[in-house]
Amino acid sequence: MAKKKVTKKAVRKTAKKTVKKTVRKAVKKAAKKTAKKTIKKTAKKPAAKPKTPTKETPDPSKAFALEAAKIAAELNCTDIVVLDLRDKSPATDYFVIATGTSNRQMRAVANEICDVARKQKMQRFGRAGYEQARWILLDYVDVVIHLFDGEYRDYYDLELLWGDAKRLVIK
């Protein structure tokens, strides 16, 4: 039997499909968790007028996303982007995407963001890629943080996938 020749292009195509499936599954899973929590909360409390963030009541998720971006900038990450997905995704409100320069630096950024989240009483629902540090994902349901190395950032190009999302200004 003749072996099929495996090309880099075929491997990349397969990897992209796998990542897209994984991201879709994670988004669906997070949406289900959020829906279950919402159902539990509404069952316990009488119906009340939903609060939407206004100038008087700031959005804590947005504040945390911007704080995570500031931490990444302070610890020398590059190409930092905060995407507002509130109207685009049922699973999360914000994506923070940053590029790290080394494994150690990316882990340090992830650890610092986790510390700040703990202080703000934000519960982390998942962490992936920490050991390899090529693509570290921190999932806080309303805010998902992606820390990439340069190669993976260029390859997966999440900004293109969510190209229609609004970009927030990091101060």
N, C-alpha and C. Protein backbone atom coordinates (compact mmCIF):
# COMPACT_ATOMS: atom_id res chain seq x y z
N MET A 1 0.83 -1.18 0.00
CA MET A 1 0.00 0.00 0.00
C MET A 1 0.87 1.24 0.00
N ALA A 2 0.46 2.23 -0.75
CA ALA A 2 1.20 3.49 -0.83
C ALA A 2 0.75 4.43 0.30
N LYS A 3 1.71 5.06 0.90
CA LYS A 3 1.39 6.01 1.96
C LYS A 3 1.05 7.36 1.34
N LYS A 4 0.10 8.03 1.97
CA LYS A 4 -0.25 9.38 1.53
C LYS A 4 0.77 10.36 2.09
N LYS A 5 1.16 11.30 1.25
CA LYS A 5 2.11 12.31 1.69
C LYS A 5 1.36 13.39 2.48
N VAL A 6 1.83 13.64 3.69
CA VAL A 6 1.20 14.64 4.56
C VAL A 6 1.95 15.95 4.39
N THR A 7 1.24 16.99 3.99
CA THR A 7 1.86 18.29 3.78
C THR A 7 1.57 19.21 4.96
N LYS A 8 2.37 20.25 5.06
CA LYS A 8 2.15 21.24 6.12
C LYS A 8 0.78 21.88 5.96
N LYS A 9 0.40 22.11 4.71
CA LYS A 9 -0.89 22.74 4.45
C LYS A 9 -2.03 21.87 4.97
N ALA A 10 -1.95 20.56 4.74
CA ALA A 10 -2.99 19.64 5.20
C ALA A 10 -3.03 19.60 6.72
N VAL A 11 -1.87 19.61 7.35
CA VAL A 11 -1.80 19.59 8.81
C VAL A 11 -2.42 20.87 9.38
N ARG A 12 -2.08 22.01 8.78
CA ARG A 12 -2.64 23.28 9.25
C ARG A 12 -4.16 23.31 9.09
N LYS A 13 -4.62 22.81 7.95
CA LYS A 13 -6.06 22.80 7.70
C LYS A 13 -6.77 21.95 8.74
N THR A 14 -6.23 20.79 9.03
CA THR A 14 -6.82 19.90 10.04
C THR A 14 -6.77 20.55 11.42
N ALA A 15 -5.65 21.19 11.73
CA ALA A 15 -5.52 21.85 13.04
C ALA A 15 -6.53 22.99 13.17
N LYS A 16 -6.72 23.77 12.11
CA LYS A 16 -7.69 24.86 12.17
C LYS A 16 -9.10 24.32 12.41
N LYS A 17 -9.45 23.25 11.71
CA LYS A 17 -10.77 22.65 11.90
C LYS A 17 -10.94 22.19 13.35
N THR A 18 -9.91 21.55 13.88
CA THR A 18 -9.97 21.05 15.25
C THR A 18 -10.13 22.20 16.24
N VAL A 19 -9.38 23.28 16.04
CA VAL A 19 -9.48 24.43 16.94
C VAL A 19 -10.86 25.06 16.85
N LYS A 20 -11.37 25.20 15.64
CA LYS A 20 -12.70 25.79 15.49
C LYS A 20 -13.75 24.95 16.21
N LYS A 21 -13.66 23.62 16.07
CA LYS A 21 -14.60 22.73 16.76
C LYS A 21 -14.46 22.89 18.27
N THR A 22 -13.22 22.94 18.76
CA THR A 22 -12.97 23.07 20.19
C THR A 22 -13.52 24.38 20.71
N VAL A 23 -13.29 25.47 19.97
CA VAL A 23 -13.79 26.77 20.40
C VAL A 23 -15.32 26.76 20.41
N ARG A 24 -15.93 26.19 19.37
CA ARG A 24 -17.39 26.12 19.34
C ARG A 24 -17.94 25.33 20.52
N LYS A 25 -17.31 24.19 20.82
CA LYS A 25 -17.76 23.37 21.95
C LYS A 25 -17.61 24.15 23.26
N ALA A 26 -16.48 24.85 23.43
CA ALA A 26 -16.26 25.62 24.65
C ALA A 26 -17.30 26.74 24.78
N VAL A 27 -17.62 27.39 23.67
CA VAL A 27 -18.60 28.46 23.69
C VAL A 27 -19.97 27.89 24.06
N LYS A 28 -20.35 26.76 23.45
CA LYS A 28 -21.64 26.14 23.77
C LYS A 28 -21.70 25.71 25.23
N LYS A 29 -20.60 25.12 25.72
CA LYS A 29 -20.55 24.65 27.10
C LYS A 29 -20.69 25.82 28.07
N ALA A 30 -19.98 26.91 27.78
CA ALA A 30 -20.06 28.09 28.64
C ALA A 30 -21.47 28.68 28.59
N ALA A 31 -22.08 28.67 27.42
CA ALA A 31 -23.44 29.19 27.29
C ALA A 31 -24.42 28.36 28.12
N LYS A 32 -24.24 27.05 28.11
CA LYS A 32 -25.12 26.18 28.91
C LYS A 32 -24.94 26.45 30.39
N LYS A 33 -23.67 26.61 30.84
CA LYS A 33 -23.41 26.90 32.25
C LYS A 33 -24.07 28.21 32.65
N THR A 34 -23.90 29.21 31.80
CA THR A 34 -24.49 30.52 32.08
C THR A 34 -26.01 30.41 32.14
N ALA A 35 -26.59 29.68 31.20
CA ALA A 35 -28.04 29.53 31.17
C ALA A 35 -28.54 28.82 32.42
N LYS A 36 -27.83 27.77 32.86
CA LYS A 36 -28.22 27.04 34.07
C LYS A 36 -28.17 27.95 35.29
N LYS A 37 -27.11 28.75 35.40
CA LYS A 37 -26.98 29.66 36.53
C LYS A 37 -28.08 30.70 36.50
N THR A 38 -28.39 31.19 35.31
CA THR A 38 -29.46 32.19 35.18
C THR A 38 -30.79 31.60 35.60
N ILE A 39 -31.05 30.36 35.20
CA ILE A 39 -32.29 29.70 35.57
C ILE A 39 -32.36 29.52 37.09
N LYS A 40 -31.26 29.10 37.71
CA LYS A 40 -31.23 28.92 39.16
C LYS A 40 -31.46 30.24 39.87
N LYS A 41 -30.79 31.30 39.40
CA LYS A 41 -30.92 32.60 40.04
C LYS A 41 -32.34 33.14 39.92
N THR A 42 -32.93 33.00 38.75
CA THR A 42 -34.28 33.53 38.56
C THR A 42 -35.31 32.70 39.31
N ALA A 43 -35.04 31.42 39.53
CA ALA A 43 -35.98 30.58 40.27
C ALA A 43 -36.00 30.97 41.75
N LYS A 44 -34.86 31.39 42.28
CA LYS A 44 -34.76 31.73 43.69
C LYS A 44 -35.32 33.11 44.00
N LYS A 45 -35.16 34.06 43.07
CA LYS A 45 -35.54 35.44 43.32
C LYS A 45 -36.81 35.78 42.55
N PRO A 46 -37.61 36.70 43.09
CA PRO A 46 -38.76 37.16 42.33
C PRO A 46 -38.27 37.95 41.11
N ALA A 47 -39.09 37.99 40.08
CA ALA A 47 -38.72 38.68 38.85
C ALA A 47 -38.44 40.15 39.13
N ALA A 48 -37.32 40.61 38.67
CA ALA A 48 -36.93 42.00 38.87
C ALA A 48 -36.49 42.57 37.53
N LYS A 49 -36.48 43.86 37.46
CA LYS A 49 -36.06 44.53 36.24
C LYS A 49 -34.56 44.27 36.04
N PRO A 50 -34.16 43.72 34.88
CA PRO A 50 -32.73 43.44 34.67
C PRO A 50 -31.93 44.72 34.63
N LYS A 51 -30.78 44.67 35.27
CA LYS A 51 -29.93 45.84 35.32
C LYS A 51 -28.96 45.80 34.14
N THR A 52 -28.94 46.86 33.37
CA THR A 52 -27.97 46.98 32.30
C THR A 52 -26.96 48.02 32.74
N PRO A 53 -25.68 47.80 32.41
CA PRO A 53 -24.67 48.76 32.83
C PRO A 53 -24.94 50.14 32.24
N THR A 54 -24.86 51.14 33.08
CA THR A 54 -25.02 52.53 32.66
C THR A 54 -23.82 53.30 33.18
N LYS A 55 -23.86 54.60 33.02
CA LYS A 55 -22.75 55.41 33.53
C LYS A 55 -22.69 55.34 35.05
N GLU A 56 -23.87 55.18 35.70
CA GLU A 56 -23.89 55.10 37.16
C GLU A 56 -23.42 53.71 37.64
N THR A 57 -23.79 52.65 36.90
CA THR A 57 -23.40 51.29 37.28
C THR A 57 -22.50 50.71 36.19
N PRO A 58 -21.18 50.79 36.38
CA PRO A 58 -20.25 50.30 35.35
C PRO A 58 -20.33 48.78 35.22
N ASP A 59 -19.97 48.29 34.04
CA ASP A 59 -19.97 46.87 33.74
C ASP A 59 -18.70 46.24 34.34
N PRO A 60 -18.84 45.34 35.35
CA PRO A 60 -17.64 44.75 35.97
C PRO A 60 -16.84 43.88 35.00
N SER A 61 -17.51 43.25 34.05
CA SER A 61 -16.81 42.42 33.07
C SER A 61 -15.92 43.27 32.18
N LYS A 62 -16.45 44.39 31.74
CA LYS A 62 -15.67 45.30 30.90
C LYS A 62 -14.47 45.84 31.68
N ALA A 63 -14.70 46.21 32.93
CA ALA A 63 -13.61 46.72 33.77
C ALA A 63 -12.52 45.67 33.95
N PHE A 64 -12.94 44.42 34.16
CA PHE A 64 -11.96 43.34 34.33
C PHE A 64 -11.20 43.09 33.03
N ALA A 65 -11.89 43.10 31.89
CA ALA A 65 -11.23 42.89 30.59
C ALA A 65 -10.18 43.97 30.35
N LEU A 66 -10.53 45.22 30.62
CA LEU A 66 -9.58 46.31 30.44
C LEU A 66 -8.42 46.22 31.42
N GLU A 67 -8.71 45.78 32.65
CA GLU A 67 -7.64 45.60 33.65
C GLU A 67 -6.69 44.49 33.22
N ALA A 68 -7.22 43.41 32.68
CA ALA A 68 -6.38 42.31 32.18
C ALA A 68 -5.49 42.80 31.03
N ALA A 69 -6.04 43.63 30.16
CA ALA A 69 -5.26 44.18 29.05
C ALA A 69 -4.15 45.09 29.58
N LYS A 70 -4.44 45.88 30.61
CA LYS A 70 -3.43 46.76 31.21
C LYS A 70 -2.30 45.93 31.82
N ILE A 71 -2.67 44.84 32.49
CA ILE A 71 -1.64 43.95 33.08
C ILE A 71 -0.75 43.39 31.99
N ALA A 72 -1.36 42.94 30.89
CA ALA A 72 -0.58 42.40 29.78
C ALA A 72 0.38 43.46 29.23
N ALA A 73 -0.10 44.70 29.12
CA ALA A 73 0.75 45.78 28.61
C ALA A 73 1.90 46.08 29.58
N GLU A 74 1.59 46.11 30.87
CA GLU A 74 2.62 46.39 31.88
C GLU A 74 3.69 45.31 31.90
N LEU A 75 3.30 44.08 31.57
CA LEU A 75 4.27 42.98 31.58
C LEU A 75 4.81 42.69 30.17
N ASN A 76 4.78 43.71 29.32
CA ASN A 76 5.43 43.72 28.01
C ASN A 76 4.84 42.79 26.96
N CYS A 77 3.56 42.51 27.01
CA CYS A 77 2.91 41.81 25.90
C CYS A 77 2.72 42.80 24.76
N THR A 78 2.57 42.27 23.56
CA THR A 78 2.37 43.13 22.39
C THR A 78 1.03 42.83 21.73
N ASP A 79 0.64 43.67 20.81
CA ASP A 79 -0.59 43.49 20.02
C ASP A 79 -1.79 43.15 20.90
N ILE A 80 -2.03 43.96 21.91
CA ILE A 80 -3.12 43.70 22.85
C ILE A 80 -4.43 44.25 22.28
N VAL A 81 -5.45 43.40 22.27
CA VAL A 81 -6.75 43.77 21.72
C VAL A 81 -7.83 43.32 22.70
N VAL A 82 -8.83 44.18 22.93
CA VAL A 82 -10.01 43.80 23.71
C VAL A 82 -11.21 43.91 22.78
N LEU A 83 -11.89 42.77 22.57
CA LEU A 83 -13.05 42.72 21.67
C LEU A 83 -14.34 42.66 22.49
N ASP A 84 -15.29 43.48 22.12
CA ASP A 84 -16.61 43.50 22.75
C ASP A 84 -17.51 42.56 21.96
N LEU A 85 -17.86 41.42 22.56
CA LEU A 85 -18.66 40.39 21.88
C LEU A 85 -20.07 40.30 22.42
N ARG A 86 -20.52 41.30 23.15
CA ARG A 86 -21.84 41.22 23.78
C ARG A 86 -22.96 40.98 22.78
N ASP A 87 -22.90 41.58 21.60
CA ASP A 87 -23.94 41.38 20.60
C ASP A 87 -23.61 40.25 19.63
N LYS A 88 -22.42 39.67 19.75
CA LYS A 88 -21.96 38.67 18.78
C LYS A 88 -21.98 37.24 19.31
N SER A 89 -21.75 37.07 20.60
CA SER A 89 -21.60 35.73 21.17
C SER A 89 -22.53 35.55 22.37
N PRO A 90 -23.24 34.43 22.43
CA PRO A 90 -24.09 34.18 23.59
C PRO A 90 -23.29 33.67 24.80
N ALA A 91 -22.04 33.31 24.57
CA ALA A 91 -21.27 32.66 25.63
C ALA A 91 -20.38 33.59 26.42
N THR A 92 -19.89 34.66 25.80
CA THR A 92 -18.97 35.56 26.50
C THR A 92 -19.22 36.99 26.07
N ASP A 93 -18.78 37.92 26.89
CA ASP A 93 -18.96 39.34 26.58
C ASP A 93 -17.71 39.98 25.99
N TYR A 94 -16.53 39.55 26.47
CA TYR A 94 -15.29 40.18 26.04
C TYR A 94 -14.20 39.15 25.80
N PHE A 95 -13.38 39.40 24.78
CA PHE A 95 -12.15 38.65 24.53
C PHE A 95 -11.00 39.62 24.75
N VAL A 96 -9.98 39.16 25.47
CA VAL A 96 -8.73 39.90 25.57
C VAL A 96 -7.69 39.03 24.87
N ILE A 97 -7.03 39.59 23.88
CA ILE A 97 -6.05 38.84 23.10
C ILE A 97 -4.71 39.58 23.18
N ALA A 98 -3.65 38.85 23.52
CA ALA A 98 -2.32 39.47 23.63
C ALA A 98 -1.26 38.49 23.17
N THR A 99 -0.13 39.01 22.76
CA THR A 99 1.00 38.19 22.32
C THR A 99 2.13 38.32 23.33
N GLY A 100 2.63 37.18 23.79
CA GLY A 100 3.75 37.16 24.72
C GLY A 100 5.05 36.92 23.99
N THR A 101 6.16 37.17 24.70
CA THR A 101 7.47 37.01 24.09
C THR A 101 8.16 35.71 24.48
N SER A 102 7.74 35.11 25.59
CA SER A 102 8.35 33.86 26.03
C SER A 102 7.36 33.08 26.89
N ASN A 103 7.65 31.80 27.09
CA ASN A 103 6.80 30.95 27.94
C ASN A 103 6.69 31.52 29.35
N ARG A 104 7.82 31.89 29.89
CA ARG A 104 7.86 32.40 31.27
C ARG A 104 7.05 33.69 31.40
N GLN A 105 7.19 34.58 30.43
CA GLN A 105 6.46 35.84 30.48
C GLN A 105 4.95 35.60 30.37
N MET A 106 4.54 34.70 29.49
CA MET A 106 3.12 34.41 29.32
C MET A 106 2.52 33.81 30.59
N ARG A 107 3.26 32.93 31.24
CA ARG A 107 2.78 32.37 32.51
C ARG A 107 2.68 33.44 33.59
N ALA A 108 3.66 34.35 33.62
CA ALA A 108 3.63 35.44 34.60
C ALA A 108 2.41 36.34 34.38
N VAL A 109 2.10 36.63 33.13
CA VAL A 109 0.92 37.45 32.81
C VAL A 109 -0.34 36.71 33.26
N ALA A 110 -0.42 35.42 32.94
CA ALA A 110 -1.60 34.62 33.33
C ALA A 110 -1.75 34.60 34.86
N ASN A 111 -0.65 34.42 35.57
CA ASN A 111 -0.70 34.39 37.04
C ASN A 111 -1.16 35.73 37.60
N GLU A 112 -0.65 36.82 37.05
CA GLU A 112 -1.01 38.16 37.53
C GLU A 112 -2.49 38.44 37.27
N ILE A 113 -2.98 38.05 36.10
CA ILE A 113 -4.40 38.25 35.79
C ILE A 113 -5.26 37.43 36.75
N CYS A 114 -4.85 36.21 37.04
CA CYS A 114 -5.60 35.35 37.99
C CYS A 114 -5.63 35.98 39.38
N ASP A 115 -4.52 36.59 39.80
CA ASP A 115 -4.48 37.25 41.11
C ASP A 115 -5.44 38.43 41.16
N VAL A 116 -5.44 39.24 40.12
CA VAL A 116 -6.35 40.39 40.07
C VAL A 116 -7.81 39.90 40.04
N ALA A 117 -8.07 38.85 39.30
CA ALA A 117 -9.43 38.30 39.22
C ALA A 117 -9.90 37.84 40.60
N ARG A 118 -9.01 37.18 41.33
CA ARG A 118 -9.35 36.72 42.67
C ARG A 118 -9.71 37.90 43.57
N LYS A 119 -8.94 38.98 43.47
CA LYS A 119 -9.21 40.18 44.28
C LYS A 119 -10.55 40.81 43.91
N GLN A 120 -10.93 40.71 42.62
CA GLN A 120 -12.20 41.27 42.17
C GLN A 120 -13.35 40.26 42.29
N LYS A 121 -13.06 39.13 42.91
CA LYS A 121 -14.06 38.07 43.13
C LYS A 121 -14.62 37.52 41.81
N MET A 122 -13.77 37.45 40.78
CA MET A 122 -14.13 36.84 39.50
C MET A 122 -13.69 35.38 39.58
N GLN A 123 -14.60 34.46 39.31
CA GLN A 123 -14.27 33.04 39.40
C GLN A 123 -13.82 32.53 38.03
N ARG A 124 -12.67 31.86 38.03
CA ARG A 124 -12.17 31.28 36.79
C ARG A 124 -12.82 29.92 36.58
N PHE A 125 -13.38 29.72 35.39
CA PHE A 125 -14.03 28.45 35.08
C PHE A 125 -13.14 27.51 34.30
N GLY A 126 -12.05 28.01 33.78
CA GLY A 126 -11.15 27.13 33.04
C GLY A 126 -9.83 27.81 32.72
N ARG A 127 -8.82 26.96 32.58
CA ARG A 127 -7.50 27.41 32.16
C ARG A 127 -6.94 26.32 31.27
N ALA A 128 -6.43 26.70 30.11
CA ALA A 128 -5.87 25.71 29.18
C ALA A 128 -4.57 26.24 28.60
N GLY A 129 -3.66 25.31 28.29
CA GLY A 129 -2.42 25.66 27.63
C GLY A 129 -1.34 26.24 28.51
N TYR A 130 -1.55 26.22 29.82
CA TYR A 130 -0.59 26.85 30.73
C TYR A 130 0.77 26.15 30.69
N GLU A 131 0.77 24.85 30.61
CA GLU A 131 2.03 24.10 30.66
C GLU A 131 2.88 24.34 29.41
N GLN A 132 2.24 24.30 28.22
CA GLN A 132 2.98 24.48 26.98
C GLN A 132 3.27 25.97 26.71
N ALA A 133 2.37 26.83 27.15
CA ALA A 133 2.51 28.29 27.01
C ALA A 133 2.69 28.71 25.55
N ARG A 134 1.97 28.09 24.65
CA ARG A 134 1.93 28.55 23.26
C ARG A 134 0.66 29.37 23.06
N TRP A 135 -0.43 28.92 23.74
CA TRP A 135 -1.71 29.61 23.72
C TRP A 135 -2.35 29.35 25.08
N ILE A 136 -2.29 30.32 25.96
CA ILE A 136 -2.88 30.18 27.29
C ILE A 136 -4.27 30.82 27.24
N LEU A 137 -5.27 30.06 27.67
CA LEU A 137 -6.64 30.55 27.68
C LEU A 137 -7.13 30.57 29.12
N LEU A 138 -7.63 31.72 29.55
CA LEU A 138 -8.22 31.88 30.88
C LEU A 138 -9.69 32.22 30.67
N ASP A 139 -10.58 31.37 31.18
CA ASP A 139 -12.01 31.53 30.95
C ASP A 139 -12.70 31.99 32.23
N TYR A 140 -13.21 33.22 32.19
CA TYR A 140 -13.98 33.77 33.31
C TYR A 140 -15.44 33.95 32.90
N VAL A 141 -15.91 33.17 31.94
CA VAL A 141 -17.24 33.16 31.33
C VAL A 141 -17.53 34.48 30.63
N ASP A 142 -17.69 35.58 31.36
CA ASP A 142 -17.98 36.87 30.72
C ASP A 142 -16.75 37.46 30.03
N VAL A 143 -15.57 37.05 30.47
CA VAL A 143 -14.32 37.52 29.87
C VAL A 143 -13.45 36.29 29.60
N VAL A 144 -12.98 36.16 28.36
CA VAL A 144 -12.07 35.07 28.00
C VAL A 144 -10.77 35.71 27.54
N ILE A 145 -9.67 35.29 28.15
CA ILE A 145 -8.36 35.88 27.88
C ILE A 145 -7.50 34.88 27.12
N HIS A 146 -6.94 35.35 25.99
CA HIS A 146 -6.09 34.52 25.14
C HIS A 146 -4.69 35.13 25.15
N LEU A 147 -3.71 34.37 25.60
CA LEU A 147 -2.31 34.80 25.56
C LEU A 147 -1.58 33.88 24.58
N PHE A 148 -1.12 34.43 23.48
CA PHE A 148 -0.49 33.65 22.41
C PHE A 148 1.01 33.92 22.35
N ASP A 149 1.75 32.94 21.79
CA ASP A 149 3.09 33.27 21.32
C ASP A 149 2.89 33.78 19.89
N GLY A 150 3.91 34.37 19.31
CA GLY A 150 3.79 35.01 18.00
C GLY A 150 3.29 34.09 16.90
N GLU A 151 3.84 32.88 16.85
CA GLU A 151 3.49 31.93 15.79
C GLU A 151 2.01 31.53 15.86
N TYR A 152 1.55 31.18 17.04
CA TYR A 152 0.14 30.77 17.19
C TYR A 152 -0.81 31.94 16.96
N ARG A 153 -0.43 33.14 17.36
CA ARG A 153 -1.28 34.31 17.15
C ARG A 153 -1.52 34.54 15.66
N ASP A 154 -0.44 34.45 14.88
CA ASP A 154 -0.56 34.64 13.43
C ASP A 154 -1.36 33.51 12.80
N TYR A 155 -1.16 32.31 13.28
CA TYR A 155 -1.81 31.15 12.67
C TYR A 155 -3.31 31.12 12.92
N TYR A 156 -3.75 31.33 14.17
CA TYR A 156 -5.17 31.21 14.50
C TYR A 156 -5.96 32.49 14.26
N ASP A 157 -5.32 33.63 14.31
CA ASP A 157 -5.91 34.91 13.92
C ASP A 157 -7.35 35.10 14.41
N LEU A 158 -7.52 35.11 15.72
CA LEU A 158 -8.86 35.26 16.31
C LEU A 158 -9.52 36.60 15.96
N GLU A 159 -8.72 37.63 15.74
CA GLU A 159 -9.30 38.92 15.37
C GLU A 159 -10.06 38.82 14.05
N LEU A 160 -9.54 38.01 13.13
CA LEU A 160 -10.23 37.82 11.86
C LEU A 160 -11.53 37.05 12.06
N LEU A 161 -11.50 36.05 12.93
CA LEU A 161 -12.69 35.26 13.22
C LEU A 161 -13.80 36.13 13.81
N TRP A 162 -13.43 37.07 14.67
CA TRP A 162 -14.38 37.99 15.30
C TRP A 162 -14.20 39.39 14.74
N GLY A 163 -13.96 39.49 13.45
CA GLY A 163 -13.66 40.76 12.78
C GLY A 163 -14.72 41.82 12.92
N ASP A 164 -15.98 41.40 13.07
CA ASP A 164 -17.07 42.37 13.16
C ASP A 164 -17.31 42.88 14.58
N ALA A 165 -16.52 42.41 15.53
CA ALA A 165 -16.68 42.83 16.93
C ALA A 165 -16.02 44.20 17.15
N LYS A 166 -16.60 44.95 18.05
CA LYS A 166 -16.08 46.27 18.40
C LYS A 166 -14.81 46.11 19.24
N ARG A 167 -13.80 46.93 18.94
CA ARG A 167 -12.55 46.92 19.71
C ARG A 167 -12.61 48.03 20.75
N LEU A 168 -12.25 47.68 21.98
CA LEU A 168 -12.24 48.67 23.05
C LEU A 168 -10.87 49.33 23.15
N VAL A 169 -10.87 50.58 23.57
CA VAL A 169 -9.63 51.33 23.74
C VAL A 169 -9.06 51.03 25.12
N ILE A 170 -7.79 50.66 25.15
CA ILE A 170 -7.10 50.37 26.41
C ILE A 170 -6.38 51.63 26.85
N LYS A 171 -6.72 52.11 28.04
CA LYS A 171 -6.12 53.36 28.53
C LYS A 171 -4.90 53.09 29.37
